[in-house]
Amino acid sequence: MWFRGCMVAVVCGIFVWLNMGVMSFIRDAFAQDNAMMKASRLMSSTDRLITSHVVMALIGATVVQTGVGFIAIMSYLFPRRPR
């Protein structure tokens, strides 16, 4: 029983770590965008590194991938008992 508890902690840790990595990447990309906008005043939205579509894709992909992994591992560790 303690093994399953440890695995739950590990999977939750991986979930948090992946989300922190994506948020760190987005923060760095926004900082780069701001630096580029300060360097050239006339910057169109197509020249930016981070658009709303990029942010939605990164966040959505991370949530889906970790969610599917979480479900797969948890269903293996905690199988349903037959009725």
N, C-alpha and C. Protein backbone atom coordinates (compact mmCIF):
# COMPACT_ATOMS: atom_id res chain seq x y z
N MET A 1 0.82 -1.20 0.00
CA MET A 1 0.00 0.00 0.00
C MET A 1 0.86 1.26 0.00
N TRP A 2 1.99 1.22 0.69
CA TRP A 2 2.84 2.41 0.73
C TRP A 2 3.44 2.71 -0.64
N PHE A 3 3.67 1.65 -1.47
CA PHE A 3 4.22 1.85 -2.81
C PHE A 3 3.27 2.69 -3.67
N ARG A 4 2.00 2.38 -3.57
CA ARG A 4 1.02 3.15 -4.34
C ARG A 4 0.99 4.60 -3.90
N GLY A 5 1.09 4.82 -2.62
CA GLY A 5 1.13 6.20 -2.11
C GLY A 5 2.35 6.95 -2.61
N CYS A 6 3.48 6.27 -2.65
CA CYS A 6 4.70 6.89 -3.18
C CYS A 6 4.54 7.22 -4.65
N MET A 7 3.93 6.33 -5.40
CA MET A 7 3.74 6.57 -6.83
C MET A 7 2.77 7.73 -7.09
N VAL A 8 1.78 7.87 -6.26
CA VAL A 8 0.87 9.01 -6.39
C VAL A 8 1.66 10.30 -6.17
N ALA A 9 2.52 10.33 -5.17
CA ALA A 9 3.34 11.51 -4.90
C ALA A 9 4.28 11.80 -6.08
N VAL A 10 4.85 10.75 -6.66
CA VAL A 10 5.75 10.93 -7.80
C VAL A 10 5.00 11.50 -9.00
N VAL A 11 3.85 10.95 -9.30
CA VAL A 11 3.08 11.42 -10.45
C VAL A 11 2.62 12.87 -10.23
N CYS A 12 2.20 13.20 -9.04
CA CYS A 12 1.81 14.59 -8.76
C CYS A 12 3.01 15.52 -8.87
N GLY A 13 4.17 15.06 -8.43
CA GLY A 13 5.39 15.86 -8.56
C GLY A 13 5.75 16.10 -10.02
N ILE A 14 5.60 15.08 -10.85
CA ILE A 14 5.88 15.23 -12.29
C ILE A 14 4.90 16.23 -12.90
N PHE A 15 3.63 16.14 -12.53
CA PHE A 15 2.62 17.06 -13.04
C PHE A 15 2.98 18.50 -12.70
N VAL A 16 3.34 18.75 -11.45
CA VAL A 16 3.71 20.11 -11.02
C VAL A 16 4.97 20.56 -11.75
N TRP A 17 5.97 19.68 -11.86
CA TRP A 17 7.23 20.03 -12.51
C TRP A 17 7.01 20.41 -13.98
N LEU A 18 6.20 19.63 -14.70
CA LEU A 18 5.94 19.93 -16.10
C LEU A 18 5.21 21.26 -16.26
N ASN A 19 4.24 21.50 -15.42
CA ASN A 19 3.50 22.76 -15.52
C ASN A 19 4.39 23.95 -15.18
N MET A 20 5.28 23.79 -14.21
CA MET A 20 6.20 24.88 -13.89
C MET A 20 7.15 25.14 -15.05
N GLY A 21 7.58 24.09 -15.75
CA GLY A 21 8.45 24.26 -16.91
C GLY A 21 7.77 25.02 -18.03
N VAL A 22 6.52 24.69 -18.30
CA VAL A 22 5.79 25.40 -19.35
C VAL A 22 5.57 26.85 -18.96
N MET A 23 5.19 27.11 -17.73
CA MET A 23 4.98 28.48 -17.29
C MET A 23 6.29 29.28 -17.31
N SER A 24 7.39 28.65 -16.99
CA SER A 24 8.69 29.31 -17.05
C SER A 24 9.04 29.68 -18.49
N PHE A 25 8.78 28.76 -19.41
CA PHE A 25 9.03 29.03 -20.83
C PHE A 25 8.18 30.20 -21.31
N ILE A 26 6.93 30.21 -20.96
CA ILE A 26 6.04 31.30 -21.38
C ILE A 26 6.51 32.63 -20.79
N ARG A 27 6.91 32.62 -19.52
CA ARG A 27 7.39 33.85 -18.89
C ARG A 27 8.64 34.37 -19.61
N ASP A 28 9.57 33.48 -19.95
CA ASP A 28 10.78 33.89 -20.66
C ASP A 28 10.46 34.41 -22.06
N ALA A 29 9.52 33.78 -22.73
CA ALA A 29 9.14 34.23 -24.07
C ALA A 29 8.46 35.59 -24.01
N PHE A 30 7.63 35.82 -23.00
CA PHE A 30 7.02 37.14 -22.84
C PHE A 30 8.08 38.20 -22.57
N ALA A 31 9.08 37.86 -21.75
CA ALA A 31 10.16 38.81 -21.47
C ALA A 31 10.92 39.13 -22.76
N GLN A 32 11.16 38.13 -23.60
CA GLN A 32 11.83 38.35 -24.88
C GLN A 32 10.97 39.22 -25.80
N ASP A 33 9.68 38.99 -25.81
CA ASP A 33 8.77 39.83 -26.60
C ASP A 33 8.83 41.28 -26.13
N ASN A 34 8.80 41.47 -24.82
CA ASN A 34 8.87 42.84 -24.30
C ASN A 34 10.17 43.51 -24.68
N ALA A 35 11.27 42.79 -24.61
CA ALA A 35 12.55 43.37 -25.00
C ALA A 35 12.57 43.73 -26.48
N MET A 36 11.98 42.87 -27.31
CA MET A 36 11.92 43.16 -28.74
C MET A 36 11.02 44.36 -29.03
N MET A 37 9.93 44.50 -28.28
CA MET A 37 9.03 45.64 -28.50
C MET A 37 9.67 46.94 -28.05
N LYS A 38 10.48 46.89 -26.99
CA LYS A 38 11.18 48.10 -26.55
C LYS A 38 12.27 48.49 -27.53
N ALA A 39 12.89 47.51 -28.18
CA ALA A 39 13.96 47.80 -29.12
C ALA A 39 13.41 48.39 -30.42
N SER A 40 12.30 47.91 -30.90
CA SER A 40 11.69 48.45 -32.12
C SER A 40 10.25 48.82 -31.80
N ARG A 41 9.95 50.08 -31.90
CA ARG A 41 8.64 50.57 -31.48
C ARG A 41 7.51 50.06 -32.38
N LEU A 42 7.77 49.91 -33.66
CA LEU A 42 6.72 49.48 -34.59
C LEU A 42 6.86 47.99 -34.86
N MET A 43 6.30 47.20 -33.99
CA MET A 43 6.37 45.74 -34.14
C MET A 43 4.95 45.21 -34.32
N SER A 44 4.72 44.54 -35.43
CA SER A 44 3.37 44.02 -35.67
C SER A 44 3.15 42.77 -34.83
N SER A 45 1.90 42.41 -34.69
CA SER A 45 1.57 41.25 -33.87
C SER A 45 2.05 39.95 -34.50
N THR A 46 2.27 39.94 -35.80
CA THR A 46 2.76 38.72 -36.46
C THR A 46 4.24 38.48 -36.20
N ASP A 47 4.97 39.51 -35.78
CA ASP A 47 6.40 39.39 -35.49
C ASP A 47 6.69 38.96 -34.06
N ARG A 48 5.67 38.89 -33.25
CA ARG A 48 5.88 38.52 -31.85
C ARG A 48 6.14 37.03 -31.71
N LEU A 49 6.88 36.66 -30.67
CA LEU A 49 7.15 35.25 -30.40
C LEU A 49 5.95 34.55 -29.80
N ILE A 50 5.29 35.21 -28.90
CA ILE A 50 4.17 34.62 -28.18
C ILE A 50 2.88 35.34 -28.56
N THR A 51 1.97 34.58 -29.13
CA THR A 51 0.63 35.10 -29.42
C THR A 51 -0.36 34.33 -28.55
N SER A 52 -1.59 34.71 -28.61
CA SER A 52 -2.59 34.01 -27.79
C SER A 52 -2.74 32.55 -28.22
N HIS A 53 -2.54 32.28 -29.50
CA HIS A 53 -2.64 30.90 -29.99
C HIS A 53 -1.51 30.03 -29.44
N VAL A 54 -0.32 30.60 -29.36
CA VAL A 54 0.82 29.85 -28.82
C VAL A 54 0.60 29.53 -27.35
N VAL A 55 0.14 30.51 -26.60
CA VAL A 55 -0.10 30.30 -25.17
C VAL A 55 -1.16 29.23 -24.96
N MET A 56 -2.25 29.31 -25.70
CA MET A 56 -3.32 28.31 -25.55
C MET A 56 -2.83 26.92 -25.95
N ALA A 57 -2.03 26.83 -27.00
CA ALA A 57 -1.53 25.52 -27.44
C ALA A 57 -0.57 24.92 -26.41
N LEU A 58 0.34 25.73 -25.87
CA LEU A 58 1.28 25.22 -24.88
C LEU A 58 0.59 24.75 -23.60
N ILE A 59 -0.29 25.56 -23.10
CA ILE A 59 -0.98 25.21 -21.87
C ILE A 59 -1.90 24.01 -22.10
N GLY A 60 -2.64 24.02 -23.18
CA GLY A 60 -3.55 22.91 -23.47
C GLY A 60 -2.83 21.60 -23.68
N ALA A 61 -1.71 21.63 -24.41
CA ALA A 61 -0.96 20.40 -24.65
C ALA A 61 -0.39 19.85 -23.36
N THR A 62 0.11 20.72 -22.50
CA THR A 62 0.67 20.25 -21.23
C THR A 62 -0.40 19.63 -20.35
N VAL A 63 -1.54 20.26 -20.28
CA VAL A 63 -2.63 19.73 -19.46
C VAL A 63 -3.11 18.38 -19.99
N VAL A 64 -3.28 18.28 -21.30
CA VAL A 64 -3.77 17.03 -21.88
C VAL A 64 -2.75 15.90 -21.69
N GLN A 65 -1.49 16.17 -21.99
CA GLN A 65 -0.47 15.12 -21.88
C GLN A 65 -0.30 14.64 -20.45
N THR A 66 -0.22 15.55 -19.51
CA THR A 66 -0.04 15.12 -18.13
C THR A 66 -1.31 14.49 -17.58
N GLY A 67 -2.46 14.97 -18.02
CA GLY A 67 -3.71 14.37 -17.58
C GLY A 67 -3.87 12.94 -18.06
N VAL A 68 -3.53 12.69 -19.33
CA VAL A 68 -3.62 11.34 -19.87
C VAL A 68 -2.61 10.43 -19.17
N GLY A 69 -1.41 10.92 -18.95
CA GLY A 69 -0.41 10.13 -18.23
C GLY A 69 -0.85 9.84 -16.81
N PHE A 70 -1.42 10.82 -16.16
CA PHE A 70 -1.91 10.66 -14.80
C PHE A 70 -3.00 9.59 -14.74
N ILE A 71 -3.95 9.65 -15.66
CA ILE A 71 -5.03 8.67 -15.69
C ILE A 71 -4.49 7.27 -15.97
N ALA A 72 -3.55 7.16 -16.92
CA ALA A 72 -3.00 5.85 -17.26
C ALA A 72 -2.27 5.23 -16.08
N ILE A 73 -1.46 6.01 -15.40
CA ILE A 73 -0.71 5.48 -14.26
C ILE A 73 -1.64 5.15 -13.10
N MET A 74 -2.59 6.00 -12.84
CA MET A 74 -3.49 5.76 -11.72
C MET A 74 -4.40 4.55 -11.98
N SER A 75 -4.81 4.36 -13.23
CA SER A 75 -5.65 3.19 -13.51
C SER A 75 -4.83 1.90 -13.40
N TYR A 76 -3.53 1.97 -13.64
CA TYR A 76 -2.67 0.80 -13.46
C TYR A 76 -2.42 0.54 -11.98
N LEU A 77 -2.16 1.60 -11.24
CA LEU A 77 -1.85 1.43 -9.82
C LEU A 77 -3.09 1.09 -8.98
N PHE A 78 -4.22 1.61 -9.37
CA PHE A 78 -5.46 1.40 -8.62
C PHE A 78 -6.52 0.81 -9.54
N PRO A 79 -6.40 -0.46 -9.90
CA PRO A 79 -7.37 -1.06 -10.82
C PRO A 79 -8.74 -1.18 -10.14
N ARG A 80 -9.76 -1.13 -10.97
CA ARG A 80 -11.13 -1.28 -10.44
C ARG A 80 -11.35 -2.75 -10.10
N ARG A 81 -12.02 -2.96 -9.03
CA ARG A 81 -12.31 -4.33 -8.60
C ARG A 81 -13.52 -4.84 -9.37
N PRO A 82 -13.45 -6.09 -9.82
CA PRO A 82 -14.61 -6.63 -10.54
C PRO A 82 -15.81 -6.77 -9.61
N ARG A 83 -16.98 -6.59 -10.15
CA ARG A 83 -18.20 -6.64 -9.33
C ARG A 83 -18.75 -8.02 -9.27
